C-alpha atoms as a PDB file:
ATOM      1  CA  ASP A   1       0.000   0.000   0.000  1.00  0.00           C
ATOM      2  CA  GLY A   2       3.061   2.304  -0.085  1.00  0.00           C
ATOM      3  CA  GLN A   3       3.890   2.353   3.642  1.00  0.00           C
ATOM      4  CA  VAL A   4       7.650   2.695   4.194  1.00  0.00           C
ATOM      5  CA  LEU A   5       9.224  -0.339   5.919  1.00  0.00           C
ATOM      6  CA  ASP A   6      12.940   0.392   5.648  1.00  0.00           C
ATOM      7  CA  ALA A   7      15.555   2.441   3.768  1.00  0.00           C
ATOM      8  CA  ASN A   8      19.341   2.313   3.521  1.00  0.00           C
ATOM      9  CA  GLU A   9      21.777   5.139   4.298  1.00  0.00           C
ATOM     10  CA  ASN A  10      22.194   6.134   0.660  1.00  0.00           C
ATOM     11  CA  PHE A  11      18.466   6.669   0.291  1.00  0.00           C
ATOM     12  CA  LEU A  12      18.225   8.624   3.547  1.00  0.00           C
ATOM     13  CA  ARG A  13      21.182  10.811   2.564  1.00  0.00           C
ATOM     14  CA  THR A  14      19.691  11.510  -0.873  1.00  0.00           C
ATOM     15  CA  LEU A  15      16.317  12.589   0.508  1.00  0.00           C
ATOM     16  CA  GLY A  16      17.684  14.223   3.662  1.00  0.00           C
ATOM     17  CA  TYR A  17      15.648  12.249   6.214  1.00  0.00           C
ATOM     18  CA  SER A  18      16.515   9.998   9.147  1.00  0.00           C
ATOM     19  CA  LEU A  19      15.064   6.487   9.219  1.00  0.00           C
ATOM     20  CA  ARG A  20      12.691   7.233  12.118  1.00  0.00           C
ATOM     21  CA  GLU A  21      11.210  10.161  10.140  1.00  0.00           C
ATOM     22  CA  ILE A  22      10.003   7.925   7.313  1.00  0.00           C
ATOM     23  CA  VAL A  23       9.308   4.403   8.662  1.00  0.00           C
ATOM     24  CA  GLY A  24       5.543   3.950   8.922  1.00  0.00           C
ATOM     25  CA  GLU A  25       4.877   6.961   6.661  1.00  0.00           C
ATOM     26  CA  HIS A  26       3.485   6.629   3.142  1.00  0.00           C
ATOM     27  CA  HIS A  27       5.635   6.882   0.028  1.00  0.00           C
ATOM     28  CA  SER A  28       3.554   9.924  -0.978  1.00  0.00           C
ATOM     29  CA  MET A  29       5.621  12.014   1.469  1.00  0.00           C
ATOM     30  CA  PHE A  30       8.306  11.999  -1.273  1.00  0.00           C
ATOM     31  CA  CYS A  31       5.923  13.322  -3.961  1.00  0.00           C
ATOM     32  CA  ASP A  32       4.565  16.780  -4.682  1.00  0.00           C
ATOM     33  CA  GLU A  33       0.941  17.457  -3.786  1.00  0.00           C
ATOM     34  CA  ASP A  34      -0.484  17.472  -7.329  1.00  0.00           C
ATOM     35  CA  TYR A  35       1.069  14.089  -8.122  1.00  0.00           C
ATOM     36  CA  ARG A  36      -0.123  12.607  -4.782  1.00  0.00           C
ATOM     37  CA  ARG A  37      -3.735  13.437  -5.676  1.00  0.00           C
ATOM     38  CA  SER A  38      -3.469  12.274  -9.299  1.00  0.00           C
ATOM     39  CA  THR A  39      -5.006   9.212 -10.929  1.00  0.00           C
ATOM     40  CA  GLU A  40      -1.526   8.444 -12.264  1.00  0.00           C
ATOM     41  CA  TYR A  41      -0.189   8.027  -8.724  1.00  0.00           C
ATOM     42  CA  ARG A  42      -3.078   5.776  -7.672  1.00  0.00           C
ATOM     43  CA  ASP A  43      -2.518   3.649 -10.770  1.00  0.00           C
ATOM     44  CA  PHE A  44       1.197   3.526  -9.933  1.00  0.00           C
ATOM     45  CA  TRP A  45       0.490   1.663  -6.678  1.00  0.00           C
ATOM     46  CA  LEU A  46      -2.254  -0.499  -8.232  1.00  0.00           C
ATOM     47  CA  ARG A  47       0.233  -1.704 -10.866  1.00  0.00           C
ATOM     48  CA  LEU A  48       2.850  -2.478  -8.214  1.00  0.00           C
ATOM     49  CA  GLY A  49       0.210  -4.333  -6.176  1.00  0.00           C
ATOM     50  CA  LYS A  50      -0.456  -6.530  -9.214  1.00  0.00           C
ATOM     51  CA  GLY A  51       3.245  -7.433  -9.383  1.00  0.00           C
ATOM     52  CA  GLU A  52       4.268  -5.118 -12.247  1.00  0.00           C
ATOM     53  CA  VAL A  53       7.828  -3.754 -12.225  1.00  0.00           C
ATOM     54  CA  ILE A  54       7.997   0.006 -12.882  1.00  0.00           C
ATOM     55  CA  ALA A  55      11.216   1.683 -14.005  1.00  0.00           C
ATOM     56  CA  GLY A  56      12.183   5.153 -15.177  1.00  0.00           C
ATOM     57  CA  ARG A  57      13.137   8.646 -14.092  1.00  0.00           C
ATOM     58  CA  PHE A  58      11.123  10.111 -11.248  1.00  0.00           C
ATOM     59  CA  HIS A  59      10.785  13.519  -9.626  1.00  0.00           C
ATOM     60  CA  ARG A  60      10.661  13.265  -5.850  1.00  0.00           C
ATOM     61  CA  LYS A  61      10.640  15.697  -2.921  1.00  0.00           C
ATOM     62  CA  GLY A  62      13.337  15.586  -0.260  1.00  0.00           C
ATOM     63  CA  LYS A  63      13.173  17.113   3.180  1.00  0.00           C
ATOM     64  CA  TYR A  64      11.959  20.741   3.233  1.00  0.00           C
ATOM     65  CA  GLY A  65      10.571  20.317  -0.296  1.00  0.00           C
ATOM     66  CA  ARG A  66      13.936  19.994  -2.055  1.00  0.00           C
ATOM     67  CA  ASP A  67      13.638  18.654  -5.617  1.00  0.00           C
ATOM     68  CA  VAL A  68      15.317  15.273  -6.134  1.00  0.00           C
ATOM     69  CA  TYR A  69      15.471  13.311  -9.403  1.00  0.00           C
ATOM     70  CA  ILE A  70      16.121   9.576  -9.391  1.00  0.00           C
ATOM     71  CA  GLN A  71      16.607   6.792 -11.915  1.00  0.00           C
ATOM     72  CA  ALA A  72      14.845   3.885 -10.248  1.00  0.00           C
ATOM     73  CA  THR A  73      13.100   0.532 -10.471  1.00  0.00           C
ATOM     74  CA  TYR A  74      10.191  -0.401  -8.198  1.00  0.00           C
ATOM     75  CA  ASN A  75      10.265  -4.192  -7.834  1.00  0.00           C
ATOM     76  CA  PRO A  76       7.319  -6.107  -6.303  1.00  0.00           C
ATOM     77  CA  VAL A  77       8.436  -9.093  -4.216  1.00  0.00           C
ATOM     78  CA  LEU A  78       6.040 -12.022  -4.720  1.00  0.00           C
ATOM     79  CA  ASP A  79       5.104 -14.932  -2.465  1.00  0.00           C
ATOM     80  CA  LEU A  80       4.911 -18.565  -3.636  1.00  0.00           C
ATOM     81  CA  SER A  81       1.391 -18.027  -4.959  1.00  0.00           C
ATOM     82  CA  GLY A  82       2.484 -15.012  -7.032  1.00  0.00           C
ATOM     83  CA  GLN A  83       0.915 -12.374  -4.786  1.00  0.00           C
ATOM     84  CA  ALA A  84       2.877  -9.170  -4.082  1.00  0.00           C
ATOM     85  CA  LEU A  85       4.157  -8.995  -0.499  1.00  0.00           C
ATOM     86  CA  LYS A  86       6.120  -5.745  -0.627  1.00  0.00           C
ATOM     87  CA  VAL A  87       7.979  -3.456  -3.019  1.00  0.00           C
ATOM     88  CA  ILE A  88      11.726  -2.762  -3.115  1.00  0.00           C
ATOM     89  CA  LYS A  89      12.986   0.315  -4.909  1.00  0.00           C
ATOM     90  CA  TYR A  90      16.568   0.543  -6.226  1.00  0.00           C
ATOM     91  CA  ALA A  91      17.469   4.117  -7.123  1.00  0.00           C
ATOM     92  CA  THR A  92      20.317   6.337  -8.284  1.00  0.00           C
ATOM     93  CA  ASP A  93      20.367  10.067  -7.558  1.00  0.00           C
ATOM     94  CA  ILE A  94      20.486  11.886 -10.940  1.00  0.00           C
ATOM     95  CA  THR A  95      19.525  15.359  -9.640  1.00  0.00           C
ATOM     96  CA  GLU A  96      22.720  17.050 -10.819  1.00  0.00           C
ATOM     97  CA  GLN A  97      22.515  15.336 -14.201  1.00  0.00           C
ATOM     98  CA  GLN A  98      18.875  16.417 -14.550  1.00  0.00           C
ATOM     99  CA  HIS A  99      19.743  20.049 -13.749  1.00  0.00           C
ATOM    100  CA  ARG A 100      22.532  20.000 -16.353  1.00  0.00           C
ATOM    101  CA  GLN A 101      20.151  18.525 -18.916  1.00  0.00           C
ATOM    102  CA  ALA A 102      17.486  21.137 -18.137  1.00  0.00           C
ATOM    103  CA  ASP A 103      20.097  23.887 -18.458  1.00  0.00           C
ATOM    104  CA  SER A 104      21.274  22.542 -21.827  1.00  0.00           C
ATOM    105  CA  GLU A 105      17.728  22.134 -23.105  1.00  0.00           C
ATOM    106  CA  GLY A 106      16.868  25.665 -21.952  1.00  0.00           C
ATOM    107  CA  GLN A 107      19.864  27.126 -23.763  1.00  0.00           C
ATOM    108  CA  LEU A 108      19.032  25.162 -26.922  1.00  0.00           C
ATOM    109  CA  ALA A 109      15.408  26.340 -26.772  1.00  0.00           C
ATOM    110  CA  ALA A 110      16.603  29.951 -26.457  1.00  0.00           C
ATOM    111  CA  ILE A 111      18.967  29.540 -29.430  1.00  0.00           C
ATOM    112  CA  SER A 112      16.163  27.926 -31.465  1.00  0.00           C
ATOM    113  CA  LYS A 113      14.122  31.118 -31.150  1.00  0.00           C
ATOM    114  CA  VAL A 114      16.728  33.204 -32.972  1.00  0.00           C
ATOM    115  CA  GLN A 115      18.715  30.769 -35.137  1.00  0.00           C
ATOM    116  CA  ALA A 116      17.911  28.221 -37.808  1.00  0.00           C
ATOM    117  CA  ILE A 117      19.040  24.765 -36.622  1.00  0.00           C
ATOM    118  CA  ILE A 118      19.290  21.502 -38.525  1.00  0.00           C
ATOM    119  CA  GLU A 119      20.836  18.194 -37.384  1.00  0.00           C
ATOM    120  CA  PHE A 120      22.441  15.489 -39.529  1.00  0.00           C
ATOM    121  CA  GLU A 121      23.770  11.973 -39.222  1.00  0.00           C
ATOM    122  CA  LEU A 122      27.493  11.778 -39.996  1.00  0.00           C
ATOM    123  CA  ASP A 123      26.660  10.749 -43.561  1.00  0.00           C
ATOM    124  CA  GLY A 124      24.606  13.929 -44.093  1.00  0.00           C
ATOM    125  CA  THR A 125      21.131  12.454 -43.533  1.00  0.00           C
ATOM    126  CA  ILE A 126      18.760  15.016 -42.012  1.00  0.00           C
ATOM    127  CA  VAL A 127      17.315  14.001 -38.627  1.00  0.00           C
ATOM    128  CA  ARG A 128      15.828  17.266 -37.288  1.00  0.00           C
ATOM    129  CA  ALA A 129      15.176  20.840 -38.397  1.00  0.00           C
ATOM    130  CA  ASN A 130      13.590  23.674 -36.450  1.00  0.00           C
ATOM    131  CA  ALA A 131      10.901  26.063 -37.707  1.00  0.00           C
ATOM    132  CA  LEU A 132      13.326  28.885 -38.539  1.00  0.00           C
ATOM    133  CA  PHE A 133      15.380  26.629 -40.802  1.00  0.00           C
ATOM    134  CA  LEU A 134      12.291  25.231 -42.525  1.00  0.00           C
ATOM    135  CA  ASN A 135      10.954  28.756 -43.075  1.00  0.00           C
ATOM    136  CA  ALA A 136      14.276  29.843 -44.585  1.00  0.00           C
ATOM    137  CA  VAL A 137      14.335  27.036 -47.166  1.00  0.00           C
ATOM    138  CA  GLY A 138      10.552  26.819 -47.656  1.00  0.00           C
ATOM    139  CA  TYR A 139      10.109  23.128 -46.859  1.00  0.00           C
ATOM    140  CA  ARG A 140       7.940  21.213 -44.375  1.00  0.00           C
ATOM    141  CA  ALA A 141       9.637  18.867 -41.905  1.00  0.00           C
ATOM    142  CA  ASP A 142       8.313  15.741 -43.643  1.00  0.00           C
ATOM    143  CA  GLU A 143       9.859  16.947 -46.923  1.00  0.00           C
ATOM    144  CA  VAL A 144      13.402  17.029 -45.530  1.00  0.00           C
ATOM    145  CA  LEU A 145      13.650  14.422 -42.750  1.00  0.00           C
ATOM    146  CA  GLY A 146      15.519  11.324 -43.907  1.00  0.00           C
ATOM    147  CA  ARG A 147      16.907  13.052 -46.986  1.00  0.00           C
ATOM    148  CA  HIS A 148      20.525  14.090 -47.574  1.00  0.00           C
ATOM    149  CA  HIS A 149      21.965  17.578 -47.075  1.00  0.00           C
ATOM    150  CA  SER A 150      22.807  17.604 -50.791  1.00  0.00           C
ATOM    151  CA  MET A 151      19.146  18.467 -51.512  1.00  0.00           C
ATOM    152  CA  PHE A 152      20.107  22.045 -50.579  1.00  0.00           C
ATOM    153  CA  VAL A 153      23.170  22.098 -52.860  1.00  0.00           C
ATOM    154  CA  PRO A 154      23.441  22.559 -56.667  1.00  0.00           C
ATOM    155  CA  ALA A 155      23.927  19.226 -58.443  1.00  0.00           C
ATOM    156  CA  ASP A 156      27.432  20.040 -59.737  1.00  0.00           C
ATOM    157  CA  GLU A 157      28.576  21.039 -56.249  1.00  0.00           C
ATOM    158  CA  ALA A 158      27.056  17.880 -54.709  1.00  0.00           C
ATOM    159  CA  ARG A 159      29.123  15.774 -57.122  1.00  0.00           C
ATOM    160  CA  SER A 160      32.348  17.682 -56.460  1.00  0.00           C
ATOM    161  CA  THR A 161      35.416  16.516 -54.550  1.00  0.00           C
ATOM    162  CA  ALA A 162      35.164  19.641 -52.360  1.00  0.00           C
ATOM    163  CA  TYR A 163      31.690  18.617 -51.174  1.00  0.00           C
ATOM    164  CA  LYS A 164      32.844  15.074 -50.368  1.00  0.00           C
ATOM    165  CA  ASP A 165      35.810  16.563 -48.431  1.00  0.00           C
ATOM    166  CA  PHE A 166      33.384  18.870 -46.590  1.00  0.00           C
ATOM    167  CA  TRP A 167      31.526  15.868 -45.115  1.00  0.00           C
ATOM    168  CA  ARG A 168      34.723  13.914 -44.567  1.00  0.00           C
ATOM    169  CA  ARG A 169      36.078  16.740 -42.366  1.00  0.00           C
ATOM    170  CA  LEU A 170      32.826  16.898 -40.394  1.00  0.00           C
ATOM    171  CA  ARG A 171      32.937  13.099 -39.820  1.00  0.00           C
ATOM    172  CA  ASN A 172      36.493  13.543 -38.550  1.00  0.00           C
ATOM    173  CA  GLY A 173      35.298  16.064 -35.963  1.00  0.00           C
ATOM    174  CA  GLU A 174      36.323  19.294 -37.740  1.00  0.00           C
ATOM    175  CA  HIS A 175      33.827  22.156 -37.688  1.00  0.00           C
ATOM    176  CA  ASP A 176      33.161  24.415 -40.662  1.00  0.00           C
ATOM    177  CA  THR A 177      31.957  28.022 -40.658  1.00  0.00           C
ATOM    178  CA  GLY A 178      31.271  30.598 -43.333  1.00  0.00           C
ATOM    179  CA  GLN A 179      28.710  31.994 -45.744  1.00  0.00           C
ATOM    180  CA  TYR A 180      27.021  29.445 -47.978  1.00  0.00           C
ATOM    181  CA  MET A 181      24.629  29.497 -50.905  1.00  0.00           C
ATOM    182  CA  ARG A 182      21.927  26.891 -50.490  1.00  0.00           C
ATOM    183  CA  LEU A 183      18.876  25.953 -52.545  1.00  0.00           C
ATOM    184  CA  GLY A 184      15.417  26.340 -51.061  1.00  0.00           C
ATOM    185  CA  LYS A 185      12.221  24.796 -52.362  1.00  0.00           C
ATOM    186  CA  GLY A 186      11.766  25.295 -56.096  1.00  0.00           C
ATOM    187  CA  GLY A 187      15.482  26.017 -56.571  1.00  0.00           C
ATOM    188  CA  ARG A 188      15.303  29.429 -54.833  1.00  0.00           C
ATOM    189  CA  GLN A 189      18.735  30.685 -53.752  1.00  0.00           C
ATOM    190  CA  VAL A 190      19.140  31.089 -49.984  1.00  0.00           C
ATOM    191  CA  TRP A 191      22.273  32.611 -48.468  1.00  0.00           C
ATOM    192  CA  ILE A 192      23.171  31.653 -44.919  1.00  0.00           C
ATOM    193  CA  GLU A 193      25.868  32.445 -42.405  1.00  0.00           C
ATOM    194  CA  ALA A 194      26.401  29.151 -40.611  1.00  0.00           C
ATOM    195  CA  SER A 195      28.545  26.845 -38.527  1.00  0.00           C
ATOM    196  CA  TYR A 196      28.543  23.063 -38.947  1.00  0.00           C
ATOM    197  CA  ASN A 197      29.417  21.543 -35.567  1.00  0.00           C
ATOM    198  CA  PRO A 198      30.254  17.854 -34.986  1.00  0.00           C
ATOM    199  CA  ILE A 199      28.805  16.613 -31.674  1.00  0.00           C
ATOM    200  CA  PHE A 200      30.917  14.130 -29.699  1.00  0.00           C
ATOM    201  CA  ASP A 201      29.889  11.196 -27.508  1.00  0.00           C
ATOM    202  CA  ALA A 202      31.368  10.319 -24.096  1.00  0.00           C
ATOM    203  CA  GLN A 203      34.342   8.624 -25.810  1.00  0.00           C
ATOM    204  CA  GLY A 204      35.121  11.750 -27.828  1.00  0.00           C
ATOM    205  CA  ARG A 205      33.823  10.312 -31.109  1.00  0.00           C
ATOM    206  CA  PRO A 206      31.604  12.388 -33.444  1.00  0.00           C
ATOM    207  CA  PHE A 207      28.095  10.954 -33.729  1.00  0.00           C
ATOM    208  CA  LYS A 208      26.109  13.738 -35.419  1.00  0.00           C
ATOM    209  CA  VAL A 209      26.443  17.233 -36.901  1.00  0.00           C
ATOM    210  CA  VAL A 210      24.423  20.295 -35.859  1.00  0.00           C
ATOM    211  CA  LYS A 211      24.266  23.362 -38.054  1.00  0.00           C
ATOM    212  CA  PHE A 212      23.405  26.766 -36.586  1.00  0.00           C
ATOM    213  CA  ALA A 213      22.521  29.255 -39.323  1.00  0.00           C
ATOM    214  CA  THR A 214      21.253  32.766 -39.955  1.00  0.00           C
ATOM    215  CA  ASP A 215      19.387  33.620 -43.153  1.00  0.00           C
ATOM    216  CA  ILE A 216      21.332  36.507 -44.739  1.00  0.00           C
ATOM    217  CA  THR A 217      19.631  36.354 -48.159  1.00  0.00           C
ATOM    218  CA  LYS A 218      18.198  39.899 -47.936  1.00  0.00           C
ATOM    219  CA  ARG A 219      21.488  41.320 -46.698  1.00  0.00           C
ATOM    220  CA  PHE A 220      23.469  39.464 -49.364  1.00  0.00           C
ATOM    221  CA  THR A 221      21.079  40.562 -52.120  1.00  0.00           C
ATOM    222  CA  ALA A 222      21.234  44.165 -50.918  1.00  0.00           C
ATOM    223  CA  ALA A 223      25.043  44.020 -50.892  1.00  0.00           C
ATOM    224  CA  GLN A 224      25.065  42.655 -54.451  1.00  0.00           C
ATOM    225  CA  THR A 225      22.682  45.395 -55.595  1.00  0.00           C
ATOM    226  CA  LEU A 226      24.869  48.023 -53.964  1.00  0.00           C
ATOM    227  CA  GLN A 227      27.980  46.532 -55.559  1.00  0.00           C
ATOM    228  CA  VAL A 228      26.376  46.691 -59.009  1.00  0.00           C
ATOM    229  CA  ALA A 229      25.307  50.291 -58.386  1.00  0.00           C
ATOM    230  CA  VAL A 230      28.789  51.293 -57.212  1.00  0.00           C
ATOM    231  CA  GLN A 231      30.358  49.561 -60.200  1.00  0.00           C
ATOM    232  CA  GLY A 232      28.013  51.478 -62.522  1.00  0.00           C
ATOM    233  CA  LEU A 233      28.917  54.806 -60.854  1.00  0.00           C
ATOM    234  CA  THR A 234      32.620  53.973 -61.122  1.00  0.00           C
ATOM    235  CA  GLU A 235      32.296  53.216 -64.821  1.00  0.00           C
ATOM    236  CA  ASN A 236      30.406  56.461 -65.383  1.00  0.00           C
ATOM    237  CA  ALA A 237      33.044  58.405 -63.454  1.00  0.00           C
ATOM    238  CA  GLU A 238      35.814  56.814 -65.509  1.00  0.00           C
ATOM    239  CA  ARG A 239      34.034  57.715 -68.732  1.00  0.00           C
END
């Protein structure tokens, strides 16, 4: 029924309680009030009572309301007839990891509001693109996901040695920055200022590429127009 029977020192240290403060209390003391009253929480204990193992990441409350995140498994212990007698939870404190993840996700969400972002497999296959990128090139997500980056590149460039070297360097962990001409939907020219950034795993090996880009088509077009105008004035002055 969720009544606490025992806990080891690691658990007590993680939540900030002494053993006498929790034995005999209900597990709900470790949950926030909204979750305690929810159907989800009632179902949680019904499933455990039926002998179902539940595993995952959980948000819990430590002493004085401190937020604690755990990676845990709740394991029903069954008698000889298959009925649940009690539940043992094995847990790892991942609070710091969760805070780092939330910080990273928050920063990425902030960047996504101002920059076009697209992600690739190491072979150039598109796996994700945000709204700003899709707006810049004029495609829907389903029109680009699973396709190769070369869809944004003129055919002669896609066949070139330079383009093959471009992806070879990214696979080797080298980043690439600059201004690039890309093709939007219908062959429309799109100019971007971008950085292609290999992302590394825990062993230091690249496993994907993320491109952060800014659409500079209007600025580039204006600069070209100005250049043509200046060239015309220069020619007139020379004449």
